[in-house]
Amino acid sequence: MLKSEINVSQIRTLAGQYAAGELHACIRQALDTGASSCLLIVDQAEAISLLSMAGFVRARMEQDAISVSQALRILGRKMRSLTKGP
């Protein structure tokens, strides 16, 4: 089960350190092997979740030429909209 708290610092670091394509490759690696060279976390579900969020942030940064802070705000809005009921 995923933690209810999101490690924004770790997402920020990953999004700053890796390109969107590299993060996608790390997600694929984690799914295929259970480990990722981008992130050393034992809990595979948590690792994939963090890598996915970092990948989203980095893709927005690259696509829209925005800062990591702006991309994190977009991620936050999307996540909040998912938790709201219909």
PDB file of N, CA and C in Angstrom:
ATOM      1  N   MET A   1       0.838  -1.182   0.000  1.00  0.00           N
ATOM      2  CA  MET A   1       0.000   0.000   0.000  1.00  0.00           C
ATOM      3  C   MET A   1       0.884   1.247   0.000  1.00  0.00           C
ATOM      4  N   LEU A   2       0.482   2.250  -0.726  1.00  0.00           N
ATOM      5  CA  LEU A   2       1.253   3.481  -0.821  1.00  0.00           C
ATOM      6  C   LEU A   2       1.048   4.348   0.405  1.00  0.00           C
ATOM      7  N   LYS A   3       2.092   5.070   0.750  1.00  0.00           N
ATOM      8  CA  LYS A   3       1.979   6.015   1.851  1.00  0.00           C
ATOM      9  C   LYS A   3       1.042   7.141   1.454  1.00  0.00           C
ATOM     10  N   SER A   4       0.379   7.726   2.434  1.00  0.00           N
ATOM     11  CA  SER A   4      -0.523   8.827   2.127  1.00  0.00           C
ATOM     12  C   SER A   4       0.232  10.132   1.929  1.00  0.00           C
ATOM     13  N   GLU A   5       1.473  10.197   2.421  1.00  0.00           N
ATOM     14  CA  GLU A   5       2.283  11.395   2.245  1.00  0.00           C
ATOM     15  C   GLU A   5       3.171  11.234   1.025  1.00  0.00           C
ATOM     16  N   ILE A   6       3.307  12.305   0.281  1.00  0.00           N
ATOM     17  CA  ILE A   6       4.124  12.287  -0.922  1.00  0.00           C
ATOM     18  C   ILE A   6       5.430  13.003  -0.628  1.00  0.00           C
ATOM     19  N   ASN A   7       6.522  12.400  -1.010  1.00  0.00           N
ATOM     20  CA  ASN A   7       7.839  12.981  -0.785  1.00  0.00           C
ATOM     21  C   ASN A   7       8.158  13.939  -1.933  1.00  0.00           C
ATOM     22  N   VAL A   8       7.721  15.180  -1.797  1.00  0.00           N
ATOM     23  CA  VAL A   8       7.885  16.187  -2.837  1.00  0.00           C
ATOM     24  C   VAL A   8       9.363  16.464  -3.094  1.00  0.00           C
ATOM     25  N   SER A   9      10.153  16.431  -2.050  1.00  0.00           N
ATOM     26  CA  SER A   9      11.589  16.672  -2.197  1.00  0.00           C
ATOM     27  C   SER A   9      12.227  15.636  -3.117  1.00  0.00           C
ATOM     28  N   GLN A  10      11.836  14.398  -2.947  1.00  0.00           N
ATOM     29  CA  GLN A  10      12.384  13.332  -3.779  1.00  0.00           C
ATOM     30  C   GLN A  10      11.897  13.472  -5.226  1.00  0.00           C
ATOM     31  N   ILE A  11      10.650  13.855  -5.416  1.00  0.00           N
ATOM     32  CA  ILE A  11      10.123  14.068  -6.766  1.00  0.00           C
ATOM     33  C   ILE A  11      10.874  15.211  -7.430  1.00  0.00           C
ATOM     34  N   ARG A  12      11.081  16.296  -6.684  1.00  0.00           N
ATOM     35  CA  ARG A  12      11.819  17.458  -7.203  1.00  0.00           C
ATOM     36  C   ARG A  12      13.240  17.056  -7.621  1.00  0.00           C
ATOM     37  N   THR A  13      13.902  16.275  -6.784  1.00  0.00           N
ATOM     38  CA  THR A  13      15.269  15.839  -7.076  1.00  0.00           C
ATOM     39  C   THR A  13      15.317  14.961  -8.325  1.00  0.00           C
ATOM     40  N   LEU A  14      14.421  13.992  -8.397  1.00  0.00           N
ATOM     41  CA  LEU A  14      14.389  13.099  -9.561  1.00  0.00           C
ATOM     42  C   LEU A  14      14.085  13.864 -10.845  1.00  0.00           C
ATOM     43  N   ALA A  15      13.123  14.778 -10.782  1.00  0.00           N
ATOM     44  CA  ALA A  15      12.741  15.551 -11.969  1.00  0.00           C
ATOM     45  C   ALA A  15      13.871  16.471 -12.416  1.00  0.00           C
ATOM     46  N   GLY A  16      14.678  16.917 -11.485  1.00  0.00           N
ATOM     47  CA  GLY A  16      15.804  17.764 -11.829  1.00  0.00           C
ATOM     48  C   GLY A  16      17.005  16.988 -12.336  1.00  0.00           C
ATOM     49  N   GLN A  17      17.115  15.746 -11.908  1.00  0.00           N
ATOM     50  CA  GLN A  17      18.287  14.941 -12.217  1.00  0.00           C
ATOM     51  C   GLN A  17      18.155  14.147 -13.513  1.00  0.00           C
ATOM     52  N   TYR A  18      16.944  13.750 -13.875  1.00  0.00           N
ATOM     53  CA  TYR A  18      16.738  12.875 -15.026  1.00  0.00           C
ATOM     54  C   TYR A  18      15.778  13.516 -16.031  1.00  0.00           C
ATOM     55  N   ALA A  19      15.979  13.201 -17.304  1.00  0.00           N
ATOM     56  CA  ALA A  19      15.052  13.621 -18.359  1.00  0.00           C
ATOM     57  C   ALA A  19      13.818  12.720 -18.301  1.00  0.00           C
ATOM     58  N   ALA A  20      12.741  13.153 -18.940  1.00  0.00           N
ATOM     59  CA  ALA A  20      11.494  12.386 -18.934  1.00  0.00           C
ATOM     60  C   ALA A  20      11.711  10.980 -19.494  1.00  0.00           C
ATOM     61  N   GLY A  21      12.463  10.862 -20.549  1.00  0.00           N
ATOM     62  CA  GLY A  21      12.738   9.549 -21.146  1.00  0.00           C
ATOM     63  C   GLY A  21      13.518   8.636 -20.218  1.00  0.00           C
ATOM     64  N   GLU A  22      14.454   9.201 -19.482  1.00  0.00           N
ATOM     65  CA  GLU A  22      15.227   8.416 -18.525  1.00  0.00           C
ATOM     66  C   GLU A  22      14.338   7.919 -17.383  1.00  0.00           C
ATOM     67  N   LEU A  23      13.440   8.773 -16.923  1.00  0.00           N
ATOM     68  CA  LEU A  23      12.512   8.362 -15.860  1.00  0.00           C
ATOM     69  C   LEU A  23      11.575   7.264 -16.350  1.00  0.00           C
ATOM     70  N   HIS A  24      11.127   7.377 -17.594  1.00  0.00           N
ATOM     71  CA  HIS A  24      10.277   6.329 -18.175  1.00  0.00           C
ATOM     72  C   HIS A  24      11.043   5.005 -18.224  1.00  0.00           C
ATOM     73  N   ALA A  25      12.322   5.063 -18.605  1.00  0.00           N
ATOM     74  CA  ALA A  25      13.137   3.846 -18.654  1.00  0.00           C
ATOM     75  C   ALA A  25      13.318   3.259 -17.254  1.00  0.00           C
ATOM     76  N   CYS A  26      13.442   4.113 -16.252  1.00  0.00           N
ATOM     77  CA  CYS A  26      13.576   3.638 -14.867  1.00  0.00           C
ATOM     78  C   CYS A  26      12.284   2.980 -14.386  1.00  0.00           C
ATOM     79  N   ILE A  27      11.150   3.509 -14.802  1.00  0.00           N
ATOM     80  CA  ILE A  27       9.866   2.887 -14.454  1.00  0.00           C
ATOM     81  C   ILE A  27       9.783   1.508 -15.093  1.00  0.00           C
ATOM     82  N   ARG A  28      10.147   1.420 -16.357  1.00  0.00           N
ATOM     83  CA  ARG A  28      10.126   0.140 -17.070  1.00  0.00           C
ATOM     84  C   ARG A  28      11.059  -0.855 -16.383  1.00  0.00           C
ATOM     85  N   GLN A  29      12.241  -0.390 -15.999  1.00  0.00           N
ATOM     86  CA  GLN A  29      13.209  -1.237 -15.315  1.00  0.00           C
ATOM     87  C   GLN A  29      12.642  -1.733 -13.980  1.00  0.00           C
ATOM     88  N   ALA A  30      11.994  -0.847 -13.237  1.00  0.00           N
ATOM     89  CA  ALA A  30      11.405  -1.232 -11.945  1.00  0.00           C
ATOM     90  C   ALA A  30      10.286  -2.250 -12.133  1.00  0.00           C
ATOM     91  N   LEU A  31       9.498  -2.074 -13.182  1.00  0.00           N
ATOM     92  CA  LEU A  31       8.422  -3.029 -13.452  1.00  0.00           C
ATOM     93  C   LEU A  31       8.973  -4.389 -13.880  1.00  0.00           C
ATOM     94  N   ASP A  32      10.034  -4.380 -14.680  1.00  0.00           N
ATOM     95  CA  ASP A  32      10.593  -5.623 -15.207  1.00  0.00           C
ATOM     96  C   ASP A  32      11.433  -6.386 -14.190  1.00  0.00           C
ATOM     97  N   THR A  33      12.224  -5.651 -13.395  1.00  0.00           N
ATOM     98  CA  THR A  33      13.198  -6.316 -12.526  1.00  0.00           C
ATOM     99  C   THR A  33      12.906  -6.148 -11.036  1.00  0.00           C
ATOM    100  N   GLY A  34      12.036  -5.222 -10.691  1.00  0.00           N
ATOM    101  CA  GLY A  34      11.750  -4.962  -9.281  1.00  0.00           C
ATOM    102  C   GLY A  34      12.707  -3.963  -8.657  1.00  0.00           C
ATOM    103  N   ALA A  35      13.656  -3.447  -9.439  1.00  0.00           N
ATOM    104  CA  ALA A  35      14.610  -2.456  -8.945  1.00  0.00           C
ATOM    105  C   ALA A  35      14.825  -1.406 -10.029  1.00  0.00           C
ATOM    106  N   SER A  36      15.315  -0.256  -9.618  1.00  0.00           N
ATOM    107  CA  SER A  36      15.544   0.830 -10.561  1.00  0.00           C
ATOM    108  C   SER A  36      16.887   1.480 -10.280  1.00  0.00           C
ATOM    109  N   SER A  37      17.615   1.806 -11.340  1.00  0.00           N
ATOM    110  CA  SER A  37      18.906   2.460 -11.165  1.00  0.00           C
ATOM    111  C   SER A  37      18.737   3.937 -10.806  1.00  0.00           C
ATOM    112  N   CYS A  38      17.546   4.486 -10.980  1.00  0.00           N
ATOM    113  CA  CYS A  38      17.282   5.891 -10.658  1.00  0.00           C
ATOM    114  C   CYS A  38      16.963   6.103  -9.186  1.00  0.00           C
ATOM    115  N   LEU A  39      16.418   5.097  -8.546  1.00  0.00           N
ATOM    116  CA  LEU A  39      15.885   5.256  -7.194  1.00  0.00           C
ATOM    117  C   LEU A  39      16.052   3.956  -6.428  1.00  0.00           C
ATOM    118  N   LEU A  40      16.700   4.045  -5.283  1.00  0.00           N
ATOM    119  CA  LEU A  40      16.940   2.851  -4.479  1.00  0.00           C
ATOM    120  C   LEU A  40      15.944   2.795  -3.328  1.00  0.00           C
ATOM    121  N   ILE A  41      14.799   2.205  -3.609  1.00  0.00           N
ATOM    122  CA  ILE A  41      13.748   2.009  -2.597  1.00  0.00           C
ATOM    123  C   ILE A  41      13.319   0.549  -2.684  1.00  0.00           C
ATOM    124  N   VAL A  42      13.203  -0.096  -1.539  1.00  0.00           N
ATOM    125  CA  VAL A  42      12.844  -1.506  -1.507  1.00  0.00           C
ATOM    126  C   VAL A  42      11.404  -1.725  -1.960  1.00  0.00           C
ATOM    127  N   ASP A  43      10.500  -0.866  -1.536  1.00  0.00           N
ATOM    128  CA  ASP A  43       9.082  -1.000  -1.871  1.00  0.00           C
ATOM    129  C   ASP A  43       8.865  -0.633  -3.335  1.00  0.00           C
ATOM    130  N   GLN A  44       8.627  -1.644  -4.164  1.00  0.00           N
ATOM    131  CA  GLN A  44       8.496  -1.438  -5.597  1.00  0.00           C
ATOM    132  C   GLN A  44       7.339  -0.503  -5.949  1.00  0.00           C
ATOM    133  N   ALA A  45       6.219  -0.629  -5.264  1.00  0.00           N
ATOM    134  CA  ALA A  45       5.064   0.227  -5.547  1.00  0.00           C
ATOM    135  C   ALA A  45       5.389   1.688  -5.245  1.00  0.00           C
ATOM    136  N   GLU A  46       6.080   1.926  -4.148  1.00  0.00           N
ATOM    137  CA  GLU A  46       6.457   3.300  -3.800  1.00  0.00           C
ATOM    138  C   GLU A  46       7.442   3.866  -4.821  1.00  0.00           C
ATOM    139  N   ALA A  47       8.401   3.048  -5.239  1.00  0.00           N
ATOM    140  CA  ALA A  47       9.391   3.493  -6.226  1.00  0.00           C
ATOM    141  C   ALA A  47       8.713   3.861  -7.540  1.00  0.00           C
ATOM    142  N   ILE A  48       7.809   3.025  -8.004  1.00  0.00           N
ATOM    143  CA  ILE A  48       7.122   3.291  -9.271  1.00  0.00           C
ATOM    144  C   ILE A  48       6.251   4.536  -9.143  1.00  0.00           C
ATOM    145  N   SER A  49       5.615   4.706  -8.015  1.00  0.00           N
ATOM    146  CA  SER A  49       4.793   5.892  -7.792  1.00  0.00           C
ATOM    147  C   SER A  49       5.642   7.162  -7.844  1.00  0.00           C
ATOM    148  N   LEU A  50       6.757   7.169  -7.125  1.00  0.00           N
ATOM    149  CA  LEU A  50       7.638   8.341  -7.123  1.00  0.00           C
ATOM    150  C   LEU A  50       8.209   8.614  -8.515  1.00  0.00           C
ATOM    151  N   LEU A  51       8.649   7.559  -9.191  1.00  0.00           N
ATOM    152  CA  LEU A  51       9.206   7.731 -10.533  1.00  0.00           C
ATOM    153  C   LEU A  51       8.144   8.240 -11.507  1.00  0.00           C
ATOM    154  N   SER A  52       6.922   7.771 -11.355  1.00  0.00           N
ATOM    155  CA  SER A  52       5.835   8.217 -12.231  1.00  0.00           C
ATOM    156  C   SER A  52       5.522   9.694 -12.021  1.00  0.00           C
ATOM    157  N   MET A  53       5.464  10.094 -10.759  1.00  0.00           N
ATOM    158  CA  MET A  53       5.197  11.506 -10.477  1.00  0.00           C
ATOM    159  C   MET A  53       6.344  12.386 -10.963  1.00  0.00           C
ATOM    160  N   ALA A  54       7.577  11.938 -10.750  1.00  0.00           N
ATOM    161  CA  ALA A  54       8.735  12.696 -11.231  1.00  0.00           C
ATOM    162  C   ALA A  54       8.731  12.758 -12.756  1.00  0.00           C
ATOM    163  N   GLY A  55       8.339  11.667 -13.395  1.00  0.00           N
ATOM    164  CA  GLY A  55       8.252  11.648 -14.859  1.00  0.00           C
ATOM    165  C   GLY A  55       7.212  12.623 -15.369  1.00  0.00           C
ATOM    166  N   PHE A  56       6.076  12.692 -14.689  1.00  0.00           N
ATOM    167  CA  PHE A  56       5.038  13.651 -15.072  1.00  0.00           C
ATOM    168  C   PHE A  56       5.561  15.078 -14.946  1.00  0.00           C
ATOM    169  N   VAL A  57       6.207  15.357 -13.803  1.00  0.00           N
ATOM    170  CA  VAL A  57       6.740  16.702 -13.553  1.00  0.00           C
ATOM    171  C   VAL A  57       7.774  17.057 -14.620  1.00  0.00           C
ATOM    172  N   ARG A  58       8.708  16.141 -14.877  1.00  0.00           N
ATOM    173  CA  ARG A  58       9.768  16.430 -15.853  1.00  0.00           C
ATOM    174  C   ARG A  58       9.196  16.602 -17.262  1.00  0.00           C
ATOM    175  N   ALA A  59       8.222  15.788 -17.622  1.00  0.00           N
ATOM    176  CA  ALA A  59       7.608  15.912 -18.949  1.00  0.00           C
ATOM    177  C   ALA A  59       6.939  17.273 -19.106  1.00  0.00           C
ATOM    178  N   ARG A  60       6.250  17.733 -18.069  1.00  0.00           N
ATOM    179  CA  ARG A  60       5.624  19.067 -18.121  1.00  0.00           C
ATOM    180  C   ARG A  60       6.674  20.159 -18.228  1.00  0.00           C
ATOM    181  N   MET A  61       7.776  19.991 -17.504  1.00  0.00           N
ATOM    182  CA  MET A  61       8.865  20.969 -17.576  1.00  0.00           C
ATOM    183  C   MET A  61       9.399  21.057 -19.005  1.00  0.00           C
ATOM    184  N   GLU A  62       9.605  19.915 -19.622  1.00  0.00           N
ATOM    185  CA  GLU A  62      10.151  19.875 -20.977  1.00  0.00           C
ATOM    186  C   GLU A  62       9.130  20.357 -22.006  1.00  0.00           C
ATOM    187  N   GLN A  63       7.892  19.926 -21.865  1.00  0.00           N
ATOM    188  CA  GLN A  63       6.838  20.254 -22.822  1.00  0.00           C
ATOM    189  C   GLN A  63       6.467  21.726 -22.801  1.00  0.00           C
ATOM    190  N   ASP A  64       6.295  22.283 -21.598  1.00  0.00           N
ATOM    191  CA  ASP A  64       5.797  23.646 -21.457  1.00  0.00           C
ATOM    192  C   ASP A  64       6.878  24.664 -21.116  1.00  0.00           C
ATOM    193  N   ALA A  65       8.138  24.208 -21.012  1.00  0.00           N
ATOM    194  CA  ALA A  65       9.261  25.078 -20.639  1.00  0.00           C
ATOM    195  C   ALA A  65       8.944  25.855 -19.352  1.00  0.00           C
ATOM    196  N   ILE A  66       8.584  25.088 -18.310  1.00  0.00           N
ATOM    197  CA  ILE A  66       8.247  25.688 -17.017  1.00  0.00           C
ATOM    198  C   ILE A  66       9.210  25.168 -15.955  1.00  0.00           C
ATOM    199  N   SER A  67       9.191  25.811 -14.799  1.00  0.00           N
ATOM    200  CA  SER A  67      10.071  25.417 -13.698  1.00  0.00           C
ATOM    201  C   SER A  67       9.531  24.164 -13.007  1.00  0.00           C
ATOM    202  N   VAL A  68      10.397  23.545 -12.229  1.00  0.00           N
ATOM    203  CA  VAL A  68       9.980  22.378 -11.468  1.00  0.00           C
ATOM    204  C   VAL A  68       8.876  22.746 -10.482  1.00  0.00           C
ATOM    205  N   SER A  69       8.935  23.930  -9.897  1.00  0.00           N
ATOM    206  CA  SER A  69       7.893  24.360  -8.950  1.00  0.00           C
ATOM    207  C   SER A  69       6.539  24.481  -9.638  1.00  0.00           C
ATOM    208  N   GLN A  70       6.525  25.052 -10.834  1.00  0.00           N
ATOM    209  CA  GLN A  70       5.265  25.168 -11.569  1.00  0.00           C
ATOM    210  C   GLN A  70       4.721  23.796 -11.940  1.00  0.00           C
ATOM    211  N   ALA A  71       5.598  22.901 -12.374  1.00  0.00           N
ATOM    212  CA  ALA A  71       5.168  21.549 -12.742  1.00  0.00           C
ATOM    213  C   ALA A  71       4.654  20.788 -11.517  1.00  0.00           C
ATOM    214  N   LEU A  72       5.275  20.992 -10.363  1.00  0.00           N
ATOM    215  CA  LEU A  72       4.792  20.350  -9.137  1.00  0.00           C
ATOM    216  C   LEU A  72       3.407  20.860  -8.753  1.00  0.00           C
ATOM    217  N   ARG A  73       3.154  22.146  -8.965  1.00  0.00           N
ATOM    218  CA  ARG A  73       1.813  22.689  -8.681  1.00  0.00           C
ATOM    219  C   ARG A  73       0.765  22.051  -9.596  1.00  0.00           C
ATOM    220  N   ILE A  74       1.117  21.836 -10.850  1.00  0.00           N
ATOM    221  CA  ILE A  74       0.195  21.182 -11.783  1.00  0.00           C
ATOM    222  C   ILE A  74      -0.081  19.755 -11.316  1.00  0.00           C
ATOM    223  N   LEU A  75       0.962  19.050 -10.911  1.00  0.00           N
ATOM    224  CA  LEU A  75       0.789  17.691 -10.391  1.00  0.00           C
ATOM    225  C   LEU A  75      -0.127  17.704  -9.171  1.00  0.00           C
ATOM    226  N   GLY A  76       0.101  18.633  -8.269  1.00  0.00           N
ATOM    227  CA  GLY A  76      -0.739  18.732  -7.076  1.00  0.00           C
ATOM    228  C   GLY A  76      -2.201  18.969  -7.405  1.00  0.00           C
ATOM    229  N   ARG A  77      -2.458  19.862  -8.355  1.00  0.00           N
ATOM    230  CA  ARG A  77      -3.843  20.127  -8.768  1.00  0.00           C
ATOM    231  C   ARG A  77      -4.486  18.871  -9.358  1.00  0.00           C
ATOM    232  N   LYS A  78      -3.741  18.163 -10.197  1.00  0.00           N
ATOM    233  CA  LYS A  78      -4.284  16.946 -10.804  1.00  0.00           C
ATOM    234  C   LYS A  78      -4.583  15.887  -9.742  1.00  0.00           C
ATOM    235  N   MET A  79      -3.680  15.749  -8.780  1.00  0.00           N
ATOM    236  CA  MET A  79      -3.895  14.753  -7.732  1.00  0.00           C
ATOM    237  C   MET A  79      -5.083  15.119  -6.844  1.00  0.00           C
ATOM    238  N   ARG A  80      -5.212  16.402  -6.517  1.00  0.00           N
ATOM    239  CA  ARG A  80      -6.369  16.833  -5.714  1.00  0.00           C
ATOM    240  C   ARG A  80      -7.677  16.607  -6.467  1.00  0.00           C
ATOM    241  N   SER A  81      -7.664  16.832  -7.775  1.00  0.00           N
ATOM    242  CA  SER A  81      -8.895  16.644  -8.554  1.00  0.00           C
ATOM    243  C   SER A  81      -9.281  15.164  -8.594  1.00  0.00           C
ATOM    244  N   LEU A  82      -8.310  14.278  -8.507  1.00  0.00           N
ATOM    245  CA  LEU A  82      -8.599  12.837  -8.498  1.00  0.00           C
ATOM    246  C   LEU A  82      -9.210  12.385  -7.182  1.00  0.00           C
ATOM    247  N   THR A  83      -8.850  13.063  -6.093  1.00  0.00           N
ATOM    248  CA  THR A  83      -9.361  12.646  -4.789  1.00  0.00           C
ATOM    249  C   THR A  83     -10.746  13.193  -4.496  1.00  0.00           C
ATOM    250  N   LYS A  84     -11.166  14.201  -5.254  1.00  0.00           N
ATOM    251  CA  LYS A  84     -12.511  14.741  -5.068  1.00  0.00           C
ATOM    252  C   LYS A  84     -13.517  13.795  -5.715  1.00  0.00           C
ATOM    253  N   GLY A  85     -14.610  13.617  -5.059  1.00  0.00           N
ATOM    254  CA  GLY A  85     -15.661  12.748  -5.593  1.00  0.00           C
ATOM    255  C   GLY A  85     -16.388  13.409  -6.753  1.00  0.00           C
ATOM    256  N   PRO A  86     -17.236  12.653  -7.430  1.00  0.00           N
ATOM    257  CA  PRO A  86     -17.995  13.183  -8.579  1.00  0.00           C
ATOM    258  C   PRO A  86     -19.002  14.233  -8.171  1.00  0.00           C
TER     259      PRO A  86
END
